[in-house]
Amino acid sequence: MIVDEIKDRLAEAGRTLRAVRDPRPHITRLRSVWPDAPDQYWVAYARAKPRRVRLPVSAAAIDRMDECLGWLLYLDVPERRLVSAWMLGLKIKEICAIWGCDRKTFWRRIERICGDLAIELARRARRAAA
């Protein structure tokens, strides 16, 4: 795989991971079965903000995410933390503040890490073929 493909797969894995819902019920959802009754109908009209409909994640996307999360085990811990923060959608400005770098350095690190992953994946593919 080339570096751009790996970068795209890691970004997709992060989106999939954020989209997967927690299957456990939350205490706040179980607090009340009945909704709060509005005082008057004109108070209730358009009170609720529109909610974003979340589509279920496909099984193929979850499989690709699992494969990408396995790739993170090939990295050192600081590199794994950097890539995980980027994958999970932390703002690049915040990541740069945490790691003490600027945006250009951040993207160079991501490129280098994806290049290292490409080399490691190619090495493992050759071992499996032999």
Protein backbone atom coordinates (compact mmCIF):
# COMPACT_ATOMS: atom_id res chain seq x y z
CA MET A 1 0.00 0.00 0.00
CA ILE A 2 1.14 3.51 -0.65
CA VAL A 3 1.24 6.23 1.99
CA ASP A 4 -1.87 8.08 0.78
CA GLU A 5 -3.95 4.89 0.86
CA ILE A 6 -2.84 4.18 4.42
CA LYS A 7 -3.62 7.75 5.45
CA ASP A 8 -7.09 7.48 3.90
CA ARG A 9 -7.72 4.12 5.57
CA LEU A 10 -6.69 5.49 8.97
CA ALA A 11 -8.98 8.52 8.50
CA GLU A 12 -11.84 6.22 7.50
CA ALA A 13 -11.19 4.02 10.53
CA GLY A 14 -11.41 7.07 12.76
CA ARG A 15 -14.73 8.13 11.21
CA THR A 16 -16.08 4.61 11.61
CA LEU A 17 -14.93 4.43 15.21
CA ARG A 18 -16.67 7.71 16.00
CA ALA A 19 -19.84 6.54 14.23
CA VAL A 20 -20.16 3.25 16.10
CA ARG A 21 -22.53 3.70 18.97
CA ASP A 22 -22.09 2.43 22.49
CA PRO A 23 -24.50 -0.53 22.82
CA ARG A 24 -24.78 -0.20 26.60
CA PRO A 25 -27.82 1.70 27.88
CA HIS A 26 -27.07 4.94 29.62
CA ILE A 27 -28.56 5.82 32.99
CA THR A 28 -29.80 9.18 31.72
CA ARG A 29 -31.89 7.48 29.05
CA LEU A 30 -33.54 5.27 31.64
CA ARG A 31 -34.43 8.14 33.95
CA SER A 32 -37.96 8.68 32.69
CA VAL A 33 -40.22 6.77 30.38
CA TRP A 34 -42.63 9.64 29.80
CA PRO A 35 -41.46 12.84 28.12
CA ASP A 36 -41.89 16.14 29.92
CA ALA A 37 -45.28 17.62 29.08
CA PRO A 38 -45.20 21.13 27.63
CA ASP A 39 -47.30 23.83 29.25
CA GLN A 40 -48.94 25.04 26.07
CA TYR A 41 -48.79 23.87 22.48
CA TRP A 42 -47.19 27.13 21.29
CA VAL A 43 -44.36 26.58 23.76
CA ALA A 44 -43.69 23.08 22.46
CA TYR A 45 -43.79 24.01 18.78
CA ALA A 46 -40.28 23.88 17.30
CA ARG A 47 -38.70 23.70 20.73
CA ALA A 48 -36.64 20.61 20.03
CA LYS A 49 -33.59 21.16 17.90
CA PRO A 50 -33.39 18.97 14.81
CA ARG A 51 -31.41 15.82 15.40
CA ARG A 52 -28.90 14.39 13.00
CA VAL A 53 -29.89 10.96 11.78
CA ARG A 54 -27.03 8.51 12.17
CA LEU A 55 -26.94 5.70 9.68
CA PRO A 56 -25.69 2.34 10.88
CA VAL A 57 -22.10 1.50 10.04
CA SER A 58 -21.62 -1.27 7.49
CA ALA A 59 -19.92 -4.51 8.44
CA ALA A 60 -17.25 -3.94 5.78
CA ALA A 61 -16.37 -0.56 7.31
CA ILE A 62 -16.04 -2.17 10.74
CA ASP A 63 -13.77 -4.88 9.28
CA ARG A 64 -11.55 -2.25 7.66
CA MET A 65 -11.49 -0.33 10.95
CA ASP A 66 -10.41 -3.45 12.85
CA GLU A 67 -7.62 -4.03 10.33
CA CYS A 68 -6.40 -0.43 10.69
CA LEU A 69 -6.50 -0.59 14.49
CA GLY A 70 -4.30 -3.67 14.25
CA TRP A 71 -1.79 -1.62 12.26
CA LEU A 72 -1.40 0.73 15.21
CA LEU A 73 0.26 -2.07 17.15
CA TYR A 74 3.22 -1.85 14.76
CA LEU A 75 3.93 1.70 15.99
CA ASP A 76 5.71 2.97 19.07
CA VAL A 77 3.52 4.38 21.84
CA PRO A 78 4.09 8.12 21.07
CA GLU A 79 3.42 7.55 17.38
CA ARG A 80 0.33 5.49 18.22
CA ARG A 81 -0.99 8.30 20.42
CA LEU A 82 -0.40 10.89 17.72
CA VAL A 83 -2.17 8.85 15.03
CA SER A 84 -5.00 7.93 17.41
CA ALA A 85 -5.62 11.57 18.31
CA TRP A 86 -5.75 12.43 14.61
CA MET A 87 -7.99 9.46 13.80
CA LEU A 88 -10.46 10.24 16.56
CA GLY A 89 -11.01 13.75 15.26
CA LEU A 90 -9.07 15.89 17.69
CA LYS A 91 -8.47 19.27 16.10
CA ILE A 92 -5.06 19.61 14.52
CA LYS A 93 -4.51 22.85 16.41
CA GLU A 94 -5.03 20.98 19.71
CA ILE A 95 -2.79 18.11 18.63
CA CYS A 96 -0.04 20.56 17.70
CA ALA A 97 -0.39 22.28 21.07
CA ILE A 98 -0.12 18.96 22.92
CA TRP A 99 2.89 17.71 20.96
CA GLY A 100 4.56 21.09 20.66
CA CYS A 101 4.76 21.32 16.90
CA ASP A 102 3.22 23.28 14.07
CA ARG A 103 0.85 21.99 11.38
CA LYS A 104 3.57 21.34 8.82
CA THR A 105 5.58 19.26 11.29
CA PHE A 106 2.42 17.40 12.29
CA TRP A 107 1.67 16.42 8.68
CA ARG A 108 5.31 15.43 8.12
CA ARG A 109 5.09 13.15 11.16
CA ILE A 110 1.85 11.62 9.89
CA GLU A 111 3.44 11.06 6.46
CA ARG A 112 6.50 9.44 8.04
CA ILE A 113 4.37 7.21 10.28
CA CYS A 114 2.23 6.13 7.30
CA GLY A 115 5.43 5.42 5.35
CA ASP A 116 6.72 3.28 8.20
CA LEU A 117 3.38 1.45 8.25
CA ALA A 118 3.59 0.87 4.49
CA ILE A 119 7.07 -0.64 4.88
CA GLU A 120 5.94 -2.86 7.76
CA LEU A 121 2.82 -4.03 5.91
CA ALA A 122 4.89 -4.85 2.81
CA ARG A 123 7.37 -6.76 4.97
CA ARG A 124 4.58 -8.79 6.57
CA ALA A 125 2.97 -9.47 3.17
CA ARG A 126 6.29 -10.85 1.84
CA ARG A 127 6.64 -13.08 4.92
CA ALA A 128 3.11 -14.40 4.46
CA ALA A 129 3.73 -15.10 0.74
CA ALA A 130 6.96 -16.99 1.42
